[in-house]
Amino acid sequence: MQHLEPNEPFYQISQAAKLLGITSDRLRTYEEEGLIKPYRTKHSKDGKRLFSPNDIEWLIMIRDLIKLGVSIPTIRILLIAKFPTNLSKLQEKDLEIIELLLKLKSHAVYSTIFYN
């Protein structure tokens, strides 16, 4: 079996949705909201969306934040926010959210969304 590079567009939207346990419509919402920029093929009028392994990893963290009750607009705001350095005073759920956000901000996909 061929090894996929982390940034190699591979998974179609239905495959990505299945891997994430969400709907294709939810993935389209994430794209519309600016949380992901999937690769678009040039073969069809609109281009098929393809997601890389890095995109899937990124989307797992987005999905987990939403499961914790963080809204999409809040995620967008938090991704550009600065975080407190003294994490010991925060509640457990807050820590989990901040840890996920820090992972997102250090992820390879972050720069393709917020600095392109």
N, C-alpha and C. Protein backbone atom coordinates (compact mmCIF):
# COMPACT_ATOMS: atom_id res chain seq x y z
N MET A 1 0.84 -1.18 0.00
CA MET A 1 0.00 0.00 0.00
C MET A 1 0.88 1.25 0.00
N GLN A 2 0.49 2.22 -0.80
CA GLN A 2 1.26 3.45 -0.93
C GLN A 2 1.05 4.36 0.29
N HIS A 3 2.16 4.96 0.72
CA HIS A 3 2.11 5.87 1.87
C HIS A 3 1.63 7.25 1.42
N LEU A 4 0.68 7.81 2.14
CA LEU A 4 0.19 9.16 1.85
C LEU A 4 1.06 10.19 2.56
N GLU A 5 1.41 11.23 1.86
CA GLU A 5 2.09 12.36 2.48
C GLU A 5 1.06 13.15 3.29
N PRO A 6 1.47 13.79 4.38
CA PRO A 6 0.51 14.50 5.24
C PRO A 6 -0.32 15.56 4.52
N ASN A 7 0.25 16.23 3.52
CA ASN A 7 -0.48 17.29 2.82
C ASN A 7 -1.05 16.85 1.48
N GLU A 8 -0.99 15.57 1.19
CA GLU A 8 -1.46 15.07 -0.10
C GLU A 8 -2.99 14.98 -0.13
N PRO A 9 -3.65 15.73 -1.04
CA PRO A 9 -5.11 15.65 -1.14
C PRO A 9 -5.51 14.24 -1.59
N PHE A 10 -6.37 13.61 -0.84
CA PHE A 10 -6.70 12.22 -1.14
C PHE A 10 -8.17 11.89 -0.90
N TYR A 11 -8.69 12.22 0.29
CA TYR A 11 -10.03 11.80 0.67
C TYR A 11 -11.10 12.70 0.07
N GLN A 12 -12.07 12.08 -0.63
CA GLN A 12 -13.21 12.85 -1.11
C GLN A 12 -14.08 13.22 0.09
N ILE A 13 -14.98 14.16 -0.13
CA ILE A 13 -15.77 14.69 0.98
C ILE A 13 -16.55 13.60 1.71
N SER A 14 -17.10 12.65 0.99
CA SER A 14 -17.87 11.58 1.64
C SER A 14 -16.96 10.69 2.49
N GLN A 15 -15.74 10.43 2.00
CA GLN A 15 -14.79 9.63 2.77
C GLN A 15 -14.34 10.38 4.02
N ALA A 16 -14.05 11.66 3.85
CA ALA A 16 -13.62 12.48 4.99
C ALA A 16 -14.72 12.54 6.04
N ALA A 17 -15.94 12.74 5.60
CA ALA A 17 -17.08 12.81 6.53
C ALA A 17 -17.21 11.50 7.30
N LYS A 18 -17.05 10.39 6.61
CA LYS A 18 -17.16 9.08 7.27
C LYS A 18 -16.04 8.90 8.30
N LEU A 19 -14.83 9.28 7.95
CA LEU A 19 -13.71 9.19 8.89
C LEU A 19 -13.96 10.02 10.14
N LEU A 20 -14.62 11.17 9.97
CA LEU A 20 -14.86 12.09 11.07
C LEU A 20 -16.15 11.81 11.83
N GLY A 21 -17.01 10.97 11.26
CA GLY A 21 -18.29 10.69 11.90
C GLY A 21 -19.25 11.87 11.83
N ILE A 22 -19.13 12.65 10.75
CA ILE A 22 -20.02 13.79 10.54
C ILE A 22 -20.58 13.72 9.12
N THR A 23 -21.44 14.65 8.77
CA THR A 23 -22.01 14.64 7.43
C THR A 23 -21.16 15.47 6.46
N SER A 24 -21.36 15.20 5.19
CA SER A 24 -20.70 16.00 4.16
C SER A 24 -21.15 17.45 4.24
N ASP A 25 -22.42 17.66 4.58
CA ASP A 25 -22.92 19.03 4.73
C ASP A 25 -22.18 19.77 5.85
N ARG A 26 -21.87 19.06 6.93
CA ARG A 26 -21.13 19.68 8.03
C ARG A 26 -19.74 20.10 7.54
N LEU A 27 -19.10 19.27 6.73
CA LEU A 27 -17.80 19.63 6.17
C LEU A 27 -17.90 20.86 5.27
N ARG A 28 -18.96 20.93 4.49
CA ARG A 28 -19.17 22.12 3.65
C ARG A 28 -19.35 23.36 4.51
N THR A 29 -20.05 23.22 5.64
CA THR A 29 -20.23 24.33 6.58
C THR A 29 -18.88 24.79 7.11
N TYR A 30 -18.03 23.84 7.51
CA TYR A 30 -16.70 24.19 8.00
C TYR A 30 -15.93 24.98 6.94
N GLU A 31 -16.07 24.57 5.69
CA GLU A 31 -15.40 25.28 4.60
C GLU A 31 -15.99 26.69 4.44
N GLU A 32 -17.30 26.79 4.42
CA GLU A 32 -17.97 28.09 4.29
C GLU A 32 -17.60 29.04 5.42
N GLU A 33 -17.39 28.48 6.60
CA GLU A 33 -17.05 29.28 7.78
C GLU A 33 -15.55 29.59 7.87
N GLY A 34 -14.78 29.08 6.92
CA GLY A 34 -13.35 29.38 6.88
C GLY A 34 -12.50 28.56 7.83
N LEU A 35 -12.99 27.41 8.27
CA LEU A 35 -12.22 26.56 9.16
C LEU A 35 -11.36 25.54 8.43
N ILE A 36 -11.59 25.38 7.14
CA ILE A 36 -10.81 24.44 6.33
C ILE A 36 -10.85 24.91 4.88
N LYS A 37 -9.76 24.66 4.17
CA LYS A 37 -9.71 24.96 2.74
C LYS A 37 -9.25 23.70 2.02
N PRO A 38 -10.21 22.83 1.66
CA PRO A 38 -9.81 21.61 0.99
C PRO A 38 -9.26 21.90 -0.41
N TYR A 39 -8.46 20.99 -0.89
CA TYR A 39 -7.97 21.08 -2.26
C TYR A 39 -9.15 20.90 -3.19
N ARG A 40 -9.18 21.64 -4.29
CA ARG A 40 -10.26 21.50 -5.29
C ARG A 40 -9.66 20.99 -6.59
N THR A 41 -10.23 19.90 -7.12
CA THR A 41 -9.77 19.38 -8.41
C THR A 41 -10.21 20.35 -9.50
N LYS A 42 -9.54 20.29 -10.61
CA LYS A 42 -9.87 21.18 -11.72
C LYS A 42 -10.62 20.45 -12.83
N HIS A 43 -11.06 19.21 -12.56
CA HIS A 43 -11.70 18.39 -13.58
C HIS A 43 -13.17 18.71 -13.80
N SER A 44 -13.86 19.20 -12.79
CA SER A 44 -15.28 19.50 -12.94
C SER A 44 -15.50 21.00 -12.75
N LYS A 45 -16.72 21.44 -13.02
CA LYS A 45 -17.05 22.87 -12.95
C LYS A 45 -16.67 23.47 -11.60
N ASP A 46 -17.14 22.88 -10.52
CA ASP A 46 -16.85 23.40 -9.18
C ASP A 46 -15.60 22.80 -8.56
N GLY A 47 -15.14 21.69 -9.08
CA GLY A 47 -13.99 21.01 -8.50
C GLY A 47 -14.39 20.20 -7.29
N LYS A 48 -14.00 18.94 -7.28
CA LYS A 48 -14.26 18.10 -6.12
C LYS A 48 -13.36 18.50 -4.97
N ARG A 49 -13.90 18.41 -3.78
CA ARG A 49 -13.11 18.68 -2.58
C ARG A 49 -12.31 17.43 -2.24
N LEU A 50 -11.03 17.63 -1.98
CA LEU A 50 -10.18 16.54 -1.51
C LEU A 50 -9.49 16.97 -0.24
N PHE A 51 -9.43 16.07 0.72
CA PHE A 51 -8.85 16.35 2.02
C PHE A 51 -7.60 15.50 2.24
N SER A 52 -6.58 16.11 2.80
CA SER A 52 -5.33 15.42 3.10
C SER A 52 -5.41 14.79 4.50
N PRO A 53 -4.47 13.90 4.82
CA PRO A 53 -4.41 13.39 6.19
C PRO A 53 -4.27 14.53 7.22
N ASN A 54 -3.51 15.58 6.88
CA ASN A 54 -3.40 16.73 7.78
C ASN A 54 -4.76 17.40 7.97
N ASP A 55 -5.51 17.54 6.87
CA ASP A 55 -6.85 18.13 6.97
C ASP A 55 -7.73 17.31 7.91
N ILE A 56 -7.66 15.98 7.80
CA ILE A 56 -8.48 15.10 8.64
C ILE A 56 -8.09 15.29 10.11
N GLU A 57 -6.81 15.32 10.37
CA GLU A 57 -6.32 15.53 11.73
C GLU A 57 -6.83 16.87 12.29
N TRP A 58 -6.74 17.91 11.48
CA TRP A 58 -7.22 19.25 11.83
C TRP A 58 -8.72 19.22 12.14
N LEU A 59 -9.47 18.57 11.25
CA LEU A 59 -10.93 18.52 11.40
C LEU A 59 -11.36 17.71 12.62
N ILE A 60 -10.58 16.72 13.01
CA ILE A 60 -10.88 15.97 14.23
C ILE A 60 -10.84 16.92 15.43
N MET A 61 -9.84 17.80 15.45
CA MET A 61 -9.75 18.76 16.56
C MET A 61 -10.89 19.77 16.51
N ILE A 62 -11.26 20.23 15.32
CA ILE A 62 -12.41 21.14 15.17
C ILE A 62 -13.67 20.44 15.68
N ARG A 63 -13.88 19.21 15.23
CA ARG A 63 -15.05 18.43 15.65
C ARG A 63 -15.08 18.28 17.16
N ASP A 64 -13.92 17.99 17.76
CA ASP A 64 -13.86 17.81 19.21
C ASP A 64 -14.18 19.10 19.96
N LEU A 65 -13.75 20.23 19.44
CA LEU A 65 -14.10 21.52 20.06
C LEU A 65 -15.60 21.75 20.01
N ILE A 66 -16.20 21.44 18.89
CA ILE A 66 -17.65 21.61 18.75
C ILE A 66 -18.38 20.68 19.71
N LYS A 67 -17.88 19.45 19.87
CA LYS A 67 -18.48 18.52 20.84
C LYS A 67 -18.38 19.05 22.26
N LEU A 68 -17.35 19.85 22.54
CA LEU A 68 -17.19 20.45 23.86
C LEU A 68 -18.06 21.69 24.04
N GLY A 69 -18.81 22.05 23.01
CA GLY A 69 -19.73 23.18 23.11
C GLY A 69 -19.20 24.49 22.57
N VAL A 70 -18.07 24.47 21.87
CA VAL A 70 -17.51 25.70 21.31
C VAL A 70 -18.14 25.92 19.93
N SER A 71 -18.69 27.11 19.71
CA SER A 71 -19.34 27.40 18.43
C SER A 71 -18.30 27.69 17.35
N ILE A 72 -18.72 27.57 16.10
CA ILE A 72 -17.82 27.83 14.97
C ILE A 72 -17.29 29.27 15.00
N PRO A 73 -18.15 30.28 15.20
CA PRO A 73 -17.59 31.64 15.27
C PRO A 73 -16.59 31.81 16.41
N THR A 74 -16.85 31.14 17.53
CA THR A 74 -15.92 31.22 18.65
C THR A 74 -14.60 30.54 18.29
N ILE A 75 -14.64 29.42 17.61
CA ILE A 75 -13.41 28.74 17.19
C ILE A 75 -12.59 29.68 16.31
N ARG A 76 -13.24 30.34 15.36
CA ARG A 76 -12.51 31.27 14.48
C ARG A 76 -11.84 32.38 15.30
N ILE A 77 -12.57 32.91 16.26
CA ILE A 77 -12.00 33.98 17.11
C ILE A 77 -10.84 33.44 17.93
N LEU A 78 -11.04 32.28 18.54
CA LEU A 78 -10.00 31.71 19.39
C LEU A 78 -8.73 31.34 18.63
N LEU A 79 -8.87 30.99 17.36
CA LEU A 79 -7.71 30.63 16.56
C LEU A 79 -6.79 31.82 16.30
N ILE A 80 -7.31 33.03 16.43
CA ILE A 80 -6.44 34.19 16.25
C ILE A 80 -6.12 34.87 17.57
N ALA A 81 -6.65 34.31 18.67
CA ALA A 81 -6.47 34.91 19.99
C ALA A 81 -5.16 34.47 20.64
N LYS A 82 -4.74 35.25 21.61
CA LYS A 82 -3.61 34.89 22.48
C LYS A 82 -4.18 34.16 23.69
N PHE A 83 -3.40 33.24 24.26
CA PHE A 83 -3.87 32.46 25.39
C PHE A 83 -3.11 32.82 26.65
N PRO A 84 -3.76 32.66 27.80
CA PRO A 84 -3.07 32.95 29.06
C PRO A 84 -1.94 31.95 29.28
N THR A 85 -0.89 32.41 29.94
CA THR A 85 0.25 31.53 30.20
C THR A 85 0.07 30.74 31.49
N ASN A 86 -0.76 31.22 32.41
CA ASN A 86 -0.99 30.53 33.67
C ASN A 86 -2.24 29.66 33.54
N LEU A 87 -2.05 28.43 33.04
CA LEU A 87 -3.18 27.55 32.79
C LEU A 87 -3.69 26.84 34.05
N SER A 88 -2.96 26.91 35.16
CA SER A 88 -3.35 26.19 36.37
C SER A 88 -4.64 26.71 36.99
N LYS A 89 -5.02 27.93 36.70
CA LYS A 89 -6.23 28.52 37.29
C LYS A 89 -7.50 28.23 36.49
N LEU A 90 -7.34 27.61 35.35
CA LEU A 90 -8.50 27.34 34.50
C LEU A 90 -9.17 26.03 34.88
N GLN A 91 -10.45 25.92 34.57
CA GLN A 91 -11.19 24.70 34.82
C GLN A 91 -10.77 23.63 33.82
N GLU A 92 -11.06 22.38 34.14
CA GLU A 92 -10.64 21.25 33.31
C GLU A 92 -11.13 21.37 31.86
N LYS A 93 -12.40 21.73 31.68
CA LYS A 93 -12.94 21.86 30.32
C LYS A 93 -12.24 22.99 29.57
N ASP A 94 -11.98 24.10 30.27
CA ASP A 94 -11.27 25.21 29.65
C ASP A 94 -9.87 24.77 29.21
N LEU A 95 -9.21 23.99 30.04
CA LEU A 95 -7.88 23.49 29.71
C LEU A 95 -7.93 22.61 28.47
N GLU A 96 -8.93 21.76 28.40
CA GLU A 96 -9.07 20.87 27.25
C GLU A 96 -9.29 21.67 25.97
N ILE A 97 -10.12 22.70 26.06
CA ILE A 97 -10.37 23.56 24.91
C ILE A 97 -9.09 24.27 24.49
N ILE A 98 -8.39 24.84 25.44
CA ILE A 98 -7.15 25.57 25.12
C ILE A 98 -6.10 24.62 24.55
N GLU A 99 -5.99 23.42 25.11
CA GLU A 99 -5.03 22.45 24.58
C GLU A 99 -5.34 22.12 23.13
N LEU A 100 -6.61 21.91 22.82
CA LEU A 100 -6.99 21.63 21.43
C LEU A 100 -6.71 22.84 20.54
N LEU A 101 -7.00 24.02 21.02
CA LEU A 101 -6.75 25.22 20.22
C LEU A 101 -5.25 25.42 19.98
N LEU A 102 -4.44 25.16 20.98
CA LEU A 102 -2.99 25.26 20.80
C LEU A 102 -2.50 24.26 19.77
N LYS A 103 -3.05 23.04 19.79
CA LYS A 103 -2.70 22.05 18.77
C LYS A 103 -3.11 22.54 17.39
N LEU A 104 -4.32 23.10 17.29
CA LEU A 104 -4.79 23.62 16.01
C LEU A 104 -3.86 24.71 15.49
N LYS A 105 -3.48 25.63 16.37
CA LYS A 105 -2.64 26.75 15.95
C LYS A 105 -1.24 26.31 15.53
N SER A 106 -0.77 25.19 16.03
CA SER A 106 0.55 24.71 15.66
C SER A 106 0.50 23.71 14.51
N HIS A 107 -0.70 23.37 14.05
CA HIS A 107 -0.89 22.38 12.99
C HIS A 107 -0.55 22.99 11.63
N ALA A 108 -0.07 22.17 10.73
CA ALA A 108 0.31 22.61 9.38
C ALA A 108 -0.85 23.26 8.62
N VAL A 109 -2.06 22.82 8.87
CA VAL A 109 -3.21 23.36 8.14
C VAL A 109 -3.52 24.79 8.55
N TYR A 110 -3.19 25.17 9.78
CA TYR A 110 -3.50 26.51 10.30
C TYR A 110 -3.00 27.61 9.35
N SER A 111 -1.77 27.51 8.92
CA SER A 111 -1.21 28.57 8.08
C SER A 111 -1.86 28.61 6.70
N THR A 112 -2.41 27.51 6.23
CA THR A 112 -3.05 27.52 4.93
C THR A 112 -4.41 28.20 4.98
N ILE A 113 -5.00 28.27 6.17
CA ILE A 113 -6.31 28.88 6.32
C ILE A 113 -6.20 30.35 6.70
N PHE A 114 -5.33 30.66 7.62
CA PHE A 114 -5.28 32.01 8.17
C PHE A 114 -4.19 32.90 7.57
N TYR A 115 -3.31 32.35 6.77
CA TYR A 115 -2.24 33.18 6.20
C TYR A 115 -2.09 33.02 4.70
N ASN A 116 -3.14 32.60 4.02
CA ASN A 116 -3.12 32.49 2.55
C ASN A 116 -3.92 33.57 1.91
